[in-house]
Amino acid sequence: MINTVIAIELEAYLEHNGQVELVHDQGQPVDGYALYLRYENEQGDALAQWLCDHPDHRWLTQFGTLLATCFHIPLHDYTSQTLAA
């Protein structure tokens, strides 16, 4: 039996010279946010992935919370601020 996981991730990004880069440091400029809904196997390999991007962080956060609630996904905050604590 294969164990699978549904993961929701919210990431900030910056467009630079036509390339999209993830923003990991607080204080860096941000052009927008991306919400990923991933269906993964137990090794973390993505079996399916859905992406939604939007310039409003609050809207994506609320949408991610709605998805987590609908699918009964436990919410964990893995941002760099909480990992450093």
N, C-alpha and C. Protein backbone atom coordinates (compact mmCIF):
# COMPACT_ATOMS: atom_id res chain seq x y z
N MET A 1 0.84 -1.18 0.00
CA MET A 1 0.00 0.00 0.00
C MET A 1 0.89 1.25 0.00
N ILE A 2 0.57 2.19 -0.85
CA ILE A 2 1.32 3.44 -0.93
C ILE A 2 0.63 4.50 -0.09
N ASN A 3 1.38 5.09 0.83
CA ASN A 3 0.85 6.21 1.61
C ASN A 3 1.04 7.49 0.82
N THR A 4 0.01 8.32 0.80
CA THR A 4 0.09 9.58 0.07
C THR A 4 -0.24 10.74 1.01
N VAL A 5 0.19 11.92 0.62
CA VAL A 5 0.00 13.12 1.42
C VAL A 5 -0.50 14.23 0.52
N ILE A 6 -1.42 15.03 1.03
CA ILE A 6 -1.82 16.25 0.34
C ILE A 6 -1.17 17.40 1.10
N ALA A 7 -0.40 18.22 0.39
CA ALA A 7 0.30 19.34 1.01
C ALA A 7 -0.13 20.64 0.34
N ILE A 8 -0.28 21.67 1.16
CA ILE A 8 -0.59 23.01 0.66
C ILE A 8 0.57 23.91 1.06
N GLU A 9 1.16 24.60 0.07
CA GLU A 9 2.29 25.48 0.35
C GLU A 9 2.02 26.85 -0.24
N LEU A 10 2.34 27.88 0.52
CA LEU A 10 2.23 29.26 0.06
C LEU A 10 3.63 29.83 -0.02
N GLU A 11 4.02 30.32 -1.21
CA GLU A 11 5.36 30.84 -1.40
C GLU A 11 5.31 32.23 -2.02
N ALA A 12 6.24 33.07 -1.62
CA ALA A 12 6.37 34.41 -2.21
C ALA A 12 7.38 34.32 -3.35
N TYR A 13 7.17 35.14 -4.39
CA TYR A 13 8.12 35.12 -5.49
C TYR A 13 8.44 36.54 -5.97
N LEU A 14 9.56 36.64 -6.67
CA LEU A 14 10.05 37.88 -7.25
C LEU A 14 10.44 37.60 -8.69
N GLU A 15 9.99 38.43 -9.62
CA GLU A 15 10.39 38.29 -11.01
C GLU A 15 11.62 39.15 -11.24
N HIS A 16 12.68 38.53 -11.79
CA HIS A 16 13.95 39.22 -12.00
C HIS A 16 14.52 38.80 -13.35
N ASN A 17 14.64 39.76 -14.28
CA ASN A 17 15.16 39.48 -15.63
C ASN A 17 14.41 38.34 -16.32
N GLY A 18 13.10 38.33 -16.18
CA GLY A 18 12.28 37.31 -16.82
C GLY A 18 12.25 35.97 -16.10
N GLN A 19 12.96 35.85 -14.99
CA GLN A 19 12.99 34.62 -14.21
C GLN A 19 12.19 34.81 -12.93
N VAL A 20 11.56 33.76 -12.48
CA VAL A 20 10.82 33.79 -11.22
C VAL A 20 11.68 33.15 -10.14
N GLU A 21 11.89 33.89 -9.05
CA GLU A 21 12.70 33.40 -7.94
C GLU A 21 11.86 33.39 -6.67
N LEU A 22 12.02 32.35 -5.86
CA LEU A 22 11.32 32.31 -4.58
C LEU A 22 11.98 33.27 -3.61
N VAL A 23 11.17 33.91 -2.79
CA VAL A 23 11.67 34.84 -1.78
C VAL A 23 11.69 34.10 -0.44
N HIS A 24 12.87 34.01 0.15
CA HIS A 24 13.01 33.30 1.43
C HIS A 24 13.31 34.23 2.59
N ASP A 25 13.82 35.41 2.31
CA ASP A 25 14.24 36.33 3.37
C ASP A 25 13.23 37.44 3.56
N GLN A 26 12.91 37.71 4.82
CA GLN A 26 12.03 38.83 5.14
C GLN A 26 12.72 40.12 4.72
N GLY A 27 11.95 41.06 4.21
CA GLY A 27 12.50 42.34 3.81
C GLY A 27 12.83 42.41 2.33
N GLN A 28 12.89 41.26 1.64
CA GLN A 28 13.10 41.26 0.20
C GLN A 28 11.82 41.71 -0.49
N PRO A 29 11.93 42.38 -1.64
CA PRO A 29 10.72 42.75 -2.36
C PRO A 29 9.99 41.51 -2.88
N VAL A 30 8.69 41.61 -3.01
CA VAL A 30 7.86 40.50 -3.45
C VAL A 30 6.94 40.99 -4.57
N ASP A 31 6.88 40.23 -5.67
CA ASP A 31 5.98 40.58 -6.78
C ASP A 31 4.63 39.88 -6.67
N GLY A 32 4.58 38.75 -5.99
CA GLY A 32 3.33 38.03 -5.86
C GLY A 32 3.51 36.78 -5.02
N TYR A 33 2.45 36.01 -4.95
CA TYR A 33 2.45 34.81 -4.12
C TYR A 33 1.88 33.64 -4.92
N ALA A 34 2.33 32.44 -4.62
CA ALA A 34 1.85 31.25 -5.30
C ALA A 34 1.40 30.23 -4.26
N LEU A 35 0.26 29.62 -4.50
CA LEU A 35 -0.27 28.59 -3.63
C LEU A 35 -0.18 27.27 -4.39
N TYR A 36 0.49 26.30 -3.80
CA TYR A 36 0.63 24.98 -4.40
C TYR A 36 -0.22 23.99 -3.62
N LEU A 37 -0.95 23.16 -4.32
CA LEU A 37 -1.64 22.02 -3.74
C LEU A 37 -0.97 20.80 -4.35
N ARG A 38 -0.27 20.01 -3.53
CA ARG A 38 0.48 18.86 -4.03
C ARG A 38 -0.07 17.57 -3.46
N TYR A 39 -0.08 16.58 -4.30
CA TYR A 39 -0.44 15.22 -3.92
C TYR A 39 0.86 14.43 -4.03
N GLU A 40 1.41 13.96 -2.91
CA GLU A 40 2.74 13.36 -2.88
C GLU A 40 2.70 11.94 -2.32
N ASN A 41 3.69 11.14 -2.74
CA ASN A 41 3.84 9.83 -2.10
C ASN A 41 4.67 9.99 -0.84
N GLU A 42 4.91 8.90 -0.12
CA GLU A 42 5.59 9.00 1.17
C GLU A 42 7.05 9.43 1.05
N GLN A 43 7.64 9.34 -0.14
CA GLN A 43 9.01 9.82 -0.35
C GLN A 43 9.05 11.31 -0.69
N GLY A 44 7.90 11.94 -0.82
CA GLY A 44 7.84 13.36 -1.14
C GLY A 44 7.82 13.65 -2.63
N ASP A 45 7.70 12.62 -3.46
CA ASP A 45 7.62 12.82 -4.91
C ASP A 45 6.21 13.27 -5.27
N ALA A 46 6.12 14.34 -6.04
CA ALA A 46 4.81 14.88 -6.42
C ALA A 46 4.14 13.95 -7.43
N LEU A 47 2.95 13.49 -7.11
CA LEU A 47 2.16 12.68 -8.03
C LEU A 47 1.27 13.58 -8.87
N ALA A 48 0.86 14.69 -8.29
CA ALA A 48 0.06 15.70 -8.99
C ALA A 48 0.29 17.02 -8.28
N GLN A 49 0.17 18.10 -9.04
CA GLN A 49 0.40 19.42 -8.46
C GLN A 49 -0.51 20.43 -9.14
N TRP A 50 -1.06 21.33 -8.36
CA TRP A 50 -1.90 22.40 -8.87
C TRP A 50 -1.36 23.71 -8.35
N LEU A 51 -1.29 24.72 -9.21
CA LEU A 51 -0.72 26.02 -8.85
C LEU A 51 -1.72 27.13 -9.10
N CYS A 52 -1.80 28.04 -8.15
CA CYS A 52 -2.61 29.25 -8.29
C CYS A 52 -1.76 30.41 -7.81
N ASP A 53 -1.58 31.43 -8.66
CA ASP A 53 -0.82 32.59 -8.18
C ASP A 53 -1.72 33.82 -8.16
N HIS A 54 -1.42 34.73 -7.26
CA HIS A 54 -2.26 35.91 -7.04
C HIS A 54 -1.40 36.94 -6.31
N PRO A 55 -1.57 38.22 -6.61
CA PRO A 55 -0.74 39.23 -5.94
C PRO A 55 -1.10 39.49 -4.48
N ASP A 56 -2.26 39.01 -4.03
CA ASP A 56 -2.72 39.29 -2.67
C ASP A 56 -2.46 38.10 -1.75
N HIS A 57 -1.52 38.26 -0.83
CA HIS A 57 -1.16 37.20 0.12
C HIS A 57 -2.36 36.76 0.95
N ARG A 58 -3.16 37.72 1.41
CA ARG A 58 -4.30 37.42 2.28
C ARG A 58 -5.32 36.53 1.56
N TRP A 59 -5.59 36.83 0.29
CA TRP A 59 -6.56 36.05 -0.47
C TRP A 59 -6.10 34.60 -0.59
N LEU A 60 -4.82 34.40 -0.93
CA LEU A 60 -4.30 33.04 -1.07
C LEU A 60 -4.27 32.30 0.26
N THR A 61 -3.95 33.01 1.33
CA THR A 61 -3.95 32.38 2.66
C THR A 61 -5.35 31.90 3.01
N GLN A 62 -6.35 32.73 2.76
CA GLN A 62 -7.74 32.33 3.05
C GLN A 62 -8.17 31.18 2.16
N PHE A 63 -7.76 31.21 0.89
CA PHE A 63 -8.10 30.14 -0.04
C PHE A 63 -7.42 28.83 0.38
N GLY A 64 -6.16 28.91 0.80
CA GLY A 64 -5.45 27.72 1.28
C GLY A 64 -6.09 27.14 2.53
N THR A 65 -6.53 28.00 3.42
CA THR A 65 -7.22 27.55 4.63
C THR A 65 -8.54 26.87 4.27
N LEU A 66 -9.25 27.43 3.30
CA LEU A 66 -10.50 26.81 2.83
C LEU A 66 -10.23 25.42 2.26
N LEU A 67 -9.19 25.29 1.43
CA LEU A 67 -8.84 23.97 0.88
C LEU A 67 -8.48 22.99 1.99
N ALA A 68 -7.68 23.45 2.95
CA ALA A 68 -7.27 22.58 4.05
C ALA A 68 -8.47 22.11 4.85
N THR A 69 -9.42 23.01 5.07
CA THR A 69 -10.62 22.67 5.82
C THR A 69 -11.47 21.66 5.05
N CYS A 70 -11.63 21.88 3.75
CA CYS A 70 -12.44 20.98 2.93
C CYS A 70 -11.86 19.57 2.87
N PHE A 71 -10.53 19.48 2.78
CA PHE A 71 -9.87 18.18 2.65
C PHE A 71 -9.40 17.63 4.00
N HIS A 72 -9.70 18.34 5.10
CA HIS A 72 -9.29 17.92 6.44
C HIS A 72 -7.77 17.74 6.53
N ILE A 73 -7.03 18.71 5.98
CA ILE A 73 -5.57 18.69 6.01
C ILE A 73 -5.11 19.44 7.26
N PRO A 74 -4.27 18.84 8.10
CA PRO A 74 -3.76 19.57 9.26
C PRO A 74 -2.93 20.76 8.82
N LEU A 75 -3.11 21.89 9.50
CA LEU A 75 -2.38 23.10 9.15
C LEU A 75 -1.11 23.20 9.97
N HIS A 76 0.02 23.38 9.32
CA HIS A 76 1.31 23.58 9.96
C HIS A 76 1.96 24.78 9.31
N ASP A 77 2.61 25.61 10.10
CA ASP A 77 3.31 26.77 9.58
C ASP A 77 4.79 26.45 9.53
N TYR A 78 5.32 26.22 8.33
CA TYR A 78 6.72 25.88 8.16
C TYR A 78 7.52 27.05 7.60
N THR A 79 7.08 28.28 7.87
CA THR A 79 7.83 29.44 7.40
C THR A 79 9.14 29.54 8.16
N SER A 80 10.06 30.29 7.61
CA SER A 80 11.38 30.40 8.23
C SER A 80 11.30 30.99 9.64
N GLN A 81 10.32 31.85 9.90
CA GLN A 81 10.18 32.43 11.23
C GLN A 81 9.83 31.37 12.26
N THR A 82 8.93 30.45 11.92
CA THR A 82 8.54 29.43 12.90
C THR A 82 9.60 28.34 13.01
N LEU A 83 10.33 28.07 11.92
CA LEU A 83 11.37 27.05 11.99
C LEU A 83 12.55 27.53 12.85
N ALA A 84 12.80 28.83 12.85
CA ALA A 84 13.91 29.37 13.64
C ALA A 84 13.57 29.44 15.12
N ALA A 85 12.28 29.43 15.45
CA ALA A 85 11.86 29.56 16.85
C ALA A 85 12.12 28.28 17.63
